[in-house]
């Protein structure tokens, strides 16, 4: 009887320690809220998420222009908006757009198309954290 009582207390102590460890580990880190209409683009060990409708603040959906990624090496979410350089284009709120990596040897550019009422193409440089609106040349 005493052994079962001790096991229950030991389990309770371990659960409390686990809860405190998770609270301290996660507290202060960026964790994205639920969303829809976003894109997810895989480059290296990171998955970049762009735009979508954010449901975390209120019951109303809010279209976002945010960019963040999940780092598979560090097992952590990273908010890129605070790191985006002020140069280049301002990315308008995006919902229902498409995004894909560029061609070439580096493959560190993400091209963002659609998702707003304007037909502009944006490119996000994952190395420089810079959003620009490139010039598109049409050949005949």
N, C-alpha and C. Protein backbone atom coordinates (compact mmCIF):
# COMPACT_ATOMS: atom_id res chain seq x y z
N UNK A 1 0.82 -1.19 0.00
CA UNK A 1 0.00 0.00 0.00
C UNK A 1 0.86 1.25 0.00
N UNK A 2 1.90 1.28 0.79
CA UNK A 2 2.78 2.43 0.88
C UNK A 2 3.55 2.64 -0.41
N UNK A 3 3.88 1.56 -1.11
CA UNK A 3 4.62 1.65 -2.37
C UNK A 3 3.77 2.32 -3.44
N UNK A 4 2.47 1.98 -3.54
CA UNK A 4 1.58 2.61 -4.51
C UNK A 4 1.44 4.10 -4.21
N UNK A 5 1.32 4.45 -2.92
CA UNK A 5 1.19 5.83 -2.50
C UNK A 5 2.43 6.62 -2.90
N UNK A 6 3.61 6.04 -2.71
CA UNK A 6 4.86 6.68 -3.08
C UNK A 6 4.97 6.84 -4.60
N UNK A 7 4.55 5.83 -5.35
CA UNK A 7 4.59 5.91 -6.82
C UNK A 7 3.70 7.03 -7.34
N UNK A 8 2.51 7.19 -6.73
CA UNK A 8 1.61 8.26 -7.16
C UNK A 8 2.21 9.64 -6.88
N UNK A 9 2.83 9.80 -5.73
CA UNK A 9 3.46 11.07 -5.39
C UNK A 9 4.66 11.35 -6.31
N UNK A 10 5.43 10.30 -6.58
CA UNK A 10 6.58 10.45 -7.46
C UNK A 10 6.12 10.86 -8.86
N UNK A 11 5.04 10.24 -9.34
CA UNK A 11 4.50 10.60 -10.66
C UNK A 11 4.01 12.04 -10.67
N UNK A 12 3.34 12.47 -9.60
CA UNK A 12 2.86 13.83 -9.50
C UNK A 12 4.02 14.82 -9.50
N UNK A 13 5.07 14.53 -8.78
CA UNK A 13 6.25 15.40 -8.75
C UNK A 13 6.89 15.49 -10.13
N UNK A 14 6.99 14.37 -10.85
CA UNK A 14 7.57 14.37 -12.19
C UNK A 14 6.70 15.17 -13.17
N UNK A 15 5.39 15.06 -13.05
CA UNK A 15 4.50 15.83 -13.92
C UNK A 15 4.61 17.33 -13.66
N UNK A 16 4.71 17.71 -12.39
CA UNK A 16 4.87 19.12 -12.04
C UNK A 16 6.19 19.65 -12.59
N UNK A 17 7.25 18.89 -12.46
CA UNK A 17 8.54 19.31 -12.99
C UNK A 17 8.50 19.43 -14.51
N UNK A 18 7.84 18.50 -15.18
CA UNK A 18 7.70 18.56 -16.63
C UNK A 18 6.92 19.81 -17.04
N UNK A 19 5.83 20.10 -16.32
CA UNK A 19 5.04 21.29 -16.62
C UNK A 19 5.88 22.55 -16.44
N UNK A 20 6.64 22.65 -15.38
CA UNK A 20 7.48 23.82 -15.15
C UNK A 20 8.57 23.93 -16.21
N UNK A 21 9.16 22.81 -16.62
CA UNK A 21 10.20 22.82 -17.63
C UNK A 21 9.64 23.30 -18.97
N UNK A 22 8.47 22.79 -19.36
CA UNK A 22 7.85 23.19 -20.62
C UNK A 22 7.47 24.67 -20.55
N UNK A 23 6.94 25.13 -19.43
CA UNK A 23 6.57 26.53 -19.28
C UNK A 23 7.79 27.43 -19.41
N UNK A 24 8.88 27.09 -18.78
CA UNK A 24 10.10 27.90 -18.87
C UNK A 24 10.72 27.83 -20.24
N UNK A 25 10.67 26.65 -20.89
CA UNK A 25 11.29 26.47 -22.19
C UNK A 25 10.52 27.23 -23.28
N UNK A 26 9.20 27.17 -23.26
CA UNK A 26 8.38 27.77 -24.31
C UNK A 26 8.13 29.25 -24.05
N UNK A 27 8.10 29.66 -22.80
CA UNK A 27 7.79 31.05 -22.46
C UNK A 27 8.78 32.00 -23.12
N UNK A 28 8.25 33.02 -23.80
CA UNK A 28 9.10 33.99 -24.44
C UNK A 28 9.45 33.68 -25.87
N UNK A 29 9.16 32.47 -26.33
CA UNK A 29 9.44 32.12 -27.72
C UNK A 29 8.23 32.44 -28.58
N UNK A 30 8.48 32.73 -29.85
CA UNK A 30 7.41 32.97 -30.80
C UNK A 30 6.73 31.64 -31.13
N UNK A 31 5.42 31.61 -30.99
CA UNK A 31 4.63 30.45 -31.38
C UNK A 31 3.47 30.98 -32.21
N UNK A 32 3.38 30.59 -33.50
CA UNK A 32 2.31 31.12 -34.35
C UNK A 32 0.95 30.58 -33.94
N UNK A 33 -0.07 31.39 -34.19
CA UNK A 33 -1.44 30.97 -33.91
C UNK A 33 -2.02 30.21 -35.08
N UNK A 34 -3.25 29.73 -34.92
CA UNK A 34 -3.89 28.99 -36.01
C UNK A 34 -4.19 29.92 -37.18
N UNK A 35 -4.08 29.40 -38.40
CA UNK A 35 -4.32 30.20 -39.60
C UNK A 35 -4.72 29.32 -40.76
N UNK A 36 -5.23 29.98 -41.81
CA UNK A 36 -5.58 29.28 -43.05
C UNK A 36 -5.24 30.20 -44.21
N UNK A 37 -5.19 29.65 -45.42
CA UNK A 37 -4.90 30.45 -46.61
C UNK A 37 -3.45 30.89 -46.72
N UNK A 38 -2.55 30.27 -45.97
CA UNK A 38 -1.13 30.61 -45.99
C UNK A 38 -0.39 29.69 -46.96
N UNK A 39 0.89 29.93 -47.14
CA UNK A 39 1.74 29.00 -47.89
C UNK A 39 2.83 28.49 -46.98
N UNK A 40 3.33 27.32 -47.31
CA UNK A 40 4.45 26.71 -46.59
C UNK A 40 5.47 26.27 -47.64
N UNK A 41 6.69 26.79 -47.53
CA UNK A 41 7.73 26.50 -48.51
C UNK A 41 8.95 25.95 -47.79
N UNK A 42 9.42 24.80 -48.23
CA UNK A 42 10.54 24.11 -47.58
C UNK A 42 11.85 24.46 -48.27
N UNK A 43 12.78 25.02 -47.50
CA UNK A 43 14.13 25.32 -47.99
C UNK A 43 15.12 24.82 -46.94
N UNK A 44 15.94 23.88 -47.30
CA UNK A 44 16.94 23.33 -46.38
C UNK A 44 16.26 22.68 -45.19
N UNK A 45 16.63 23.12 -43.99
CA UNK A 45 16.05 22.59 -42.76
C UNK A 45 14.93 23.47 -42.21
N UNK A 46 14.44 24.39 -43.04
CA UNK A 46 13.42 25.35 -42.58
C UNK A 46 12.17 25.25 -43.46
N UNK A 47 11.02 25.47 -42.84
CA UNK A 47 9.76 25.57 -43.56
C UNK A 47 9.25 26.99 -43.34
N UNK A 48 9.18 27.78 -44.41
CA UNK A 48 8.75 29.17 -44.35
C UNK A 48 7.24 29.25 -44.54
N UNK A 49 6.57 30.01 -43.67
CA UNK A 49 5.13 30.24 -43.75
C UNK A 49 4.91 31.70 -44.06
N UNK A 50 4.05 31.97 -45.06
CA UNK A 50 3.82 33.34 -45.50
C UNK A 50 2.32 33.61 -45.53
N UNK A 51 1.93 34.73 -44.88
CA UNK A 51 0.56 35.23 -44.94
C UNK A 51 -0.49 34.31 -44.36
N UNK A 52 -1.70 34.44 -44.90
CA UNK A 52 -2.83 33.66 -44.44
C UNK A 52 -3.73 34.48 -43.53
N UNK A 53 -4.77 33.84 -43.06
CA UNK A 53 -5.70 34.48 -42.13
C UNK A 53 -5.38 33.97 -40.74
N UNK A 54 -5.15 34.88 -39.81
CA UNK A 54 -4.76 34.56 -38.44
C UNK A 54 -6.00 34.57 -37.56
N UNK A 55 -6.21 33.50 -36.80
CA UNK A 55 -7.37 33.38 -35.93
C UNK A 55 -6.99 33.49 -34.45
N UNK A 56 -5.75 33.82 -34.13
CA UNK A 56 -5.30 33.75 -32.74
C UNK A 56 -5.74 34.93 -31.88
N UNK A 57 -5.90 36.11 -32.47
CA UNK A 57 -6.19 37.29 -31.66
C UNK A 57 -7.67 37.41 -31.30
N UNK A 58 -8.54 37.20 -32.24
CA UNK A 58 -9.98 37.32 -32.01
C UNK A 58 -10.69 36.21 -32.74
N UNK A 59 -12.00 36.19 -32.64
CA UNK A 59 -12.77 35.22 -33.39
C UNK A 59 -12.87 35.60 -34.86
N UNK A 60 -12.52 36.84 -35.18
CA UNK A 60 -12.52 37.31 -36.56
C UNK A 60 -11.19 36.94 -37.21
N UNK A 61 -11.24 36.57 -38.48
CA UNK A 61 -9.99 36.29 -39.17
C UNK A 61 -9.35 37.60 -39.62
N UNK A 62 -8.04 37.67 -39.52
CA UNK A 62 -7.29 38.83 -39.92
C UNK A 62 -6.25 38.39 -40.94
N UNK A 63 -6.29 38.98 -42.14
CA UNK A 63 -5.30 38.63 -43.14
C UNK A 63 -3.95 39.22 -42.74
N UNK A 64 -2.91 38.43 -42.92
CA UNK A 64 -1.58 38.82 -42.47
C UNK A 64 -0.60 38.88 -43.64
N UNK A 65 0.46 39.62 -43.44
CA UNK A 65 1.57 39.64 -44.39
C UNK A 65 2.84 39.15 -43.68
N UNK A 66 2.65 38.41 -42.60
CA UNK A 66 3.81 38.00 -41.83
C UNK A 66 4.54 36.83 -42.47
N UNK A 67 5.80 36.70 -42.09
CA UNK A 67 6.65 35.61 -42.55
C UNK A 67 7.33 35.03 -41.32
N UNK A 68 7.26 33.72 -41.18
CA UNK A 68 7.97 33.04 -40.10
C UNK A 68 8.36 31.66 -40.60
N UNK A 69 9.25 31.00 -39.87
CA UNK A 69 9.65 29.66 -40.29
C UNK A 69 9.83 28.75 -39.07
N UNK A 70 9.77 27.46 -39.38
CA UNK A 70 10.06 26.44 -38.37
C UNK A 70 11.44 25.89 -38.69
N UNK A 71 12.35 25.98 -37.74
CA UNK A 71 13.71 25.49 -37.92
C UNK A 71 13.79 24.06 -37.43
N UNK A 72 14.01 23.13 -38.36
CA UNK A 72 14.09 21.71 -38.01
C UNK A 72 15.30 21.34 -37.19
N UNK A 73 16.39 22.10 -37.32
CA UNK A 73 17.58 21.82 -36.51
C UNK A 73 17.41 22.24 -35.06
N UNK A 74 16.83 23.42 -34.86
CA UNK A 74 16.67 23.95 -33.50
C UNK A 74 15.32 23.58 -32.89
N UNK A 75 14.43 23.00 -33.71
CA UNK A 75 13.07 22.66 -33.27
C UNK A 75 12.38 23.87 -32.64
N UNK A 76 12.43 24.99 -33.37
CA UNK A 76 11.87 26.24 -32.85
C UNK A 76 11.23 27.04 -33.98
N UNK A 77 10.24 27.86 -33.61
CA UNK A 77 9.61 28.80 -34.52
C UNK A 77 10.39 30.10 -34.46
N UNK A 78 10.57 30.75 -35.62
CA UNK A 78 11.29 32.02 -35.69
C UNK A 78 10.44 33.00 -36.48
N UNK A 79 10.17 34.16 -35.89
CA UNK A 79 9.42 35.20 -36.58
C UNK A 79 10.39 36.04 -37.40
N UNK A 80 10.15 36.10 -38.70
CA UNK A 80 11.07 36.80 -39.60
C UNK A 80 10.69 38.26 -39.73
N UNK A 81 9.44 38.63 -39.50
CA UNK A 81 8.99 40.02 -39.67
C UNK A 81 9.86 41.00 -38.92
N UNK A 82 10.29 40.64 -37.73
CA UNK A 82 11.11 41.55 -36.94
C UNK A 82 12.53 41.65 -37.51
N UNK A 83 12.89 40.72 -38.40
CA UNK A 83 14.24 40.70 -38.97
C UNK A 83 14.28 41.20 -40.40
N UNK A 84 13.11 41.41 -41.04
CA UNK A 84 13.08 41.81 -42.45
C UNK A 84 13.68 43.20 -42.60
N UNK A 85 14.59 43.32 -43.54
CA UNK A 85 15.23 44.61 -43.81
C UNK A 85 14.20 45.61 -44.31
N UNK A 86 14.38 46.86 -43.98
CA UNK A 86 13.45 47.90 -44.38
C UNK A 86 13.50 48.24 -45.86
N UNK A 87 14.47 47.71 -46.57
CA UNK A 87 14.59 48.01 -47.98
C UNK A 87 13.58 47.17 -48.77
N UNK A 88 13.32 47.60 -50.00
CA UNK A 88 12.48 46.81 -50.88
C UNK A 88 11.01 47.13 -50.74
N UNK A 89 10.17 46.14 -51.01
CA UNK A 89 8.72 46.35 -51.06
C UNK A 89 8.07 45.95 -49.75
N UNK A 90 6.97 46.63 -49.45
CA UNK A 90 6.14 46.21 -48.32
C UNK A 90 5.21 45.12 -48.83
N UNK A 91 5.20 44.00 -48.15
CA UNK A 91 4.36 42.88 -48.55
C UNK A 91 2.94 43.12 -48.03
N UNK A 92 1.95 43.26 -48.93
CA UNK A 92 0.58 43.46 -48.47
C UNK A 92 0.03 42.17 -47.85
N UNK A 93 -1.08 42.26 -47.13
CA UNK A 93 -1.67 41.03 -46.59
C UNK A 93 -1.92 40.01 -47.70
N UNK A 94 -1.58 38.77 -47.43
CA UNK A 94 -1.69 37.70 -48.41
C UNK A 94 -2.63 36.62 -47.90
N UNK A 95 -3.53 36.18 -48.79
CA UNK A 95 -4.44 35.09 -48.46
C UNK A 95 -4.77 34.35 -49.75
N UNK A 96 -4.58 33.05 -49.78
CA UNK A 96 -4.87 32.26 -50.96
C UNK A 96 -3.87 32.47 -52.08
N UNK A 97 -2.66 32.83 -51.75
CA UNK A 97 -1.61 33.06 -52.73
C UNK A 97 -0.83 31.78 -52.98
N UNK A 98 0.17 31.85 -53.81
CA UNK A 98 1.07 30.73 -54.02
C UNK A 98 2.50 31.21 -53.79
N UNK A 99 3.35 30.30 -53.37
CA UNK A 99 4.76 30.63 -53.13
C UNK A 99 5.60 29.41 -53.45
N UNK A 100 6.76 29.65 -54.06
CA UNK A 100 7.65 28.55 -54.39
C UNK A 100 9.08 29.07 -54.46
N UNK A 101 10.04 28.16 -54.36
CA UNK A 101 11.44 28.56 -54.41
C UNK A 101 11.84 28.85 -55.84
N UNK A 102 12.83 29.72 -56.00
CA UNK A 102 13.34 30.08 -57.32
C UNK A 102 14.29 29.03 -57.84
N UNK A 103 14.55 29.11 -59.12
CA UNK A 103 15.47 28.18 -59.75
C UNK A 103 16.89 28.69 -59.59
N UNK A 104 17.84 27.85 -59.87
CA UNK A 104 19.23 28.24 -59.75
C UNK A 104 19.95 27.36 -58.75
N UNK A 105 21.22 27.63 -58.58
CA UNK A 105 22.03 26.79 -57.70
C UNK A 105 21.77 27.06 -56.22
N UNK A 106 21.50 28.30 -55.85
CA UNK A 106 21.32 28.63 -54.44
C UNK A 106 19.95 28.24 -53.92
N UNK A 107 18.91 28.48 -54.69
CA UNK A 107 17.53 28.20 -54.30
C UNK A 107 17.21 28.74 -52.91
N UNK A 108 17.52 30.04 -52.71
CA UNK A 108 17.23 30.68 -51.43
C UNK A 108 16.24 31.83 -51.57
N UNK A 109 15.57 31.91 -52.73
CA UNK A 109 14.55 32.91 -52.96
C UNK A 109 13.18 32.25 -52.99
N UNK A 110 12.20 32.91 -52.37
CA UNK A 110 10.81 32.44 -52.43
C UNK A 110 10.03 33.49 -53.22
N UNK A 111 9.37 33.05 -54.29
CA UNK A 111 8.55 33.94 -55.09
C UNK A 111 7.10 33.80 -54.64
N UNK A 112 6.44 34.94 -54.39
CA UNK A 112 5.08 35.00 -53.86
C UNK A 112 4.20 35.64 -54.94
N UNK A 113 3.15 34.92 -55.36
CA UNK A 113 2.30 35.38 -56.44
C UNK A 113 0.85 35.33 -56.01
N UNK A 114 0.11 36.42 -56.27
CA UNK A 114 -1.33 36.44 -56.00
C UNK A 114 -1.64 36.70 -54.54
N UNK A 115 -2.91 36.43 -54.19
CA UNK A 115 -3.33 36.57 -52.81
C UNK A 115 -3.80 37.95 -52.42
N UNK A 116 -3.87 38.85 -53.36
CA UNK A 116 -4.41 40.18 -53.11
C UNK A 116 -5.05 40.68 -54.40
N UNK A 117 -5.57 41.86 -54.38
CA UNK A 117 -6.27 42.36 -55.57
C UNK A 117 -5.31 42.88 -56.63
N UNK A 118 -4.05 42.97 -56.32
CA UNK A 118 -3.06 43.43 -57.29
C UNK A 118 -2.29 42.23 -57.82
N UNK A 119 -1.91 42.29 -59.07
CA UNK A 119 -1.16 41.19 -59.68
C UNK A 119 0.33 41.48 -59.65
N UNK A 120 0.87 41.56 -58.46
CA UNK A 120 2.30 41.81 -58.30
C UNK A 120 2.98 40.53 -57.85
N UNK A 121 4.23 40.42 -58.23
CA UNK A 121 5.06 39.31 -57.80
C UNK A 121 6.04 39.86 -56.77
N UNK A 122 6.22 39.14 -55.68
CA UNK A 122 7.17 39.52 -54.65
C UNK A 122 8.19 38.41 -54.51
N UNK A 123 9.38 38.78 -54.10
CA UNK A 123 10.39 37.76 -53.82
C UNK A 123 10.94 38.01 -52.42
N UNK A 124 11.08 36.91 -51.69
CA UNK A 124 11.64 36.98 -50.34
C UNK A 124 12.98 36.27 -50.36
N UNK A 125 14.02 37.00 -50.04
CA UNK A 125 15.38 36.45 -49.98
C UNK A 125 15.58 35.88 -48.58
N UNK A 126 15.69 34.57 -48.48
CA UNK A 126 15.79 33.92 -47.17
C UNK A 126 17.14 34.13 -46.51
N UNK A 127 18.15 34.52 -47.26
CA UNK A 127 19.47 34.79 -46.68
C UNK A 127 19.54 36.21 -46.11
N UNK A 128 19.01 37.17 -46.86
CA UNK A 128 19.09 38.58 -46.45
C UNK A 128 17.84 39.04 -45.71
N UNK A 129 16.79 38.19 -45.62
CA UNK A 129 15.50 38.55 -45.02
C UNK A 129 14.97 39.85 -45.62
N UNK A 130 14.90 39.87 -46.94
CA UNK A 130 14.50 41.07 -47.67
C UNK A 130 13.38 40.73 -48.63
N UNK A 131 12.30 41.52 -48.62
CA UNK A 131 11.19 41.37 -49.55
C UNK A 131 11.30 42.45 -50.61
N UNK A 132 11.30 42.06 -51.88
CA UNK A 132 11.35 43.00 -52.98
C UNK A 132 10.28 42.64 -54.02
N UNK A 133 10.02 43.56 -54.90
CA UNK A 133 9.13 43.33 -56.02
C UNK A 133 9.98 43.37 -57.28
N UNK A 134 10.35 42.18 -57.82
CA UNK A 134 11.27 42.16 -58.96
C UNK A 134 10.60 42.62 -60.25
N UNK A 135 11.40 43.05 -61.18
CA UNK A 135 10.91 43.40 -62.50
C UNK A 135 10.73 42.12 -63.32
N UNK A 136 9.54 41.95 -63.87
CA UNK A 136 9.25 40.77 -64.66
C UNK A 136 9.30 41.15 -66.13
N UNK A 137 10.16 40.48 -66.88
CA UNK A 137 10.29 40.74 -68.31
C UNK A 137 9.55 39.66 -69.07
N UNK A 138 8.73 40.08 -70.03
CA UNK A 138 7.98 39.14 -70.86
C UNK A 138 8.63 39.12 -72.22
N UNK A 139 9.03 37.94 -72.67
CA UNK A 139 9.64 37.84 -73.99
C UNK A 139 8.58 37.45 -75.00
N UNK A 140 8.78 37.95 -76.22
CA UNK A 140 7.82 37.67 -77.30
C UNK A 140 8.42 36.78 -78.34
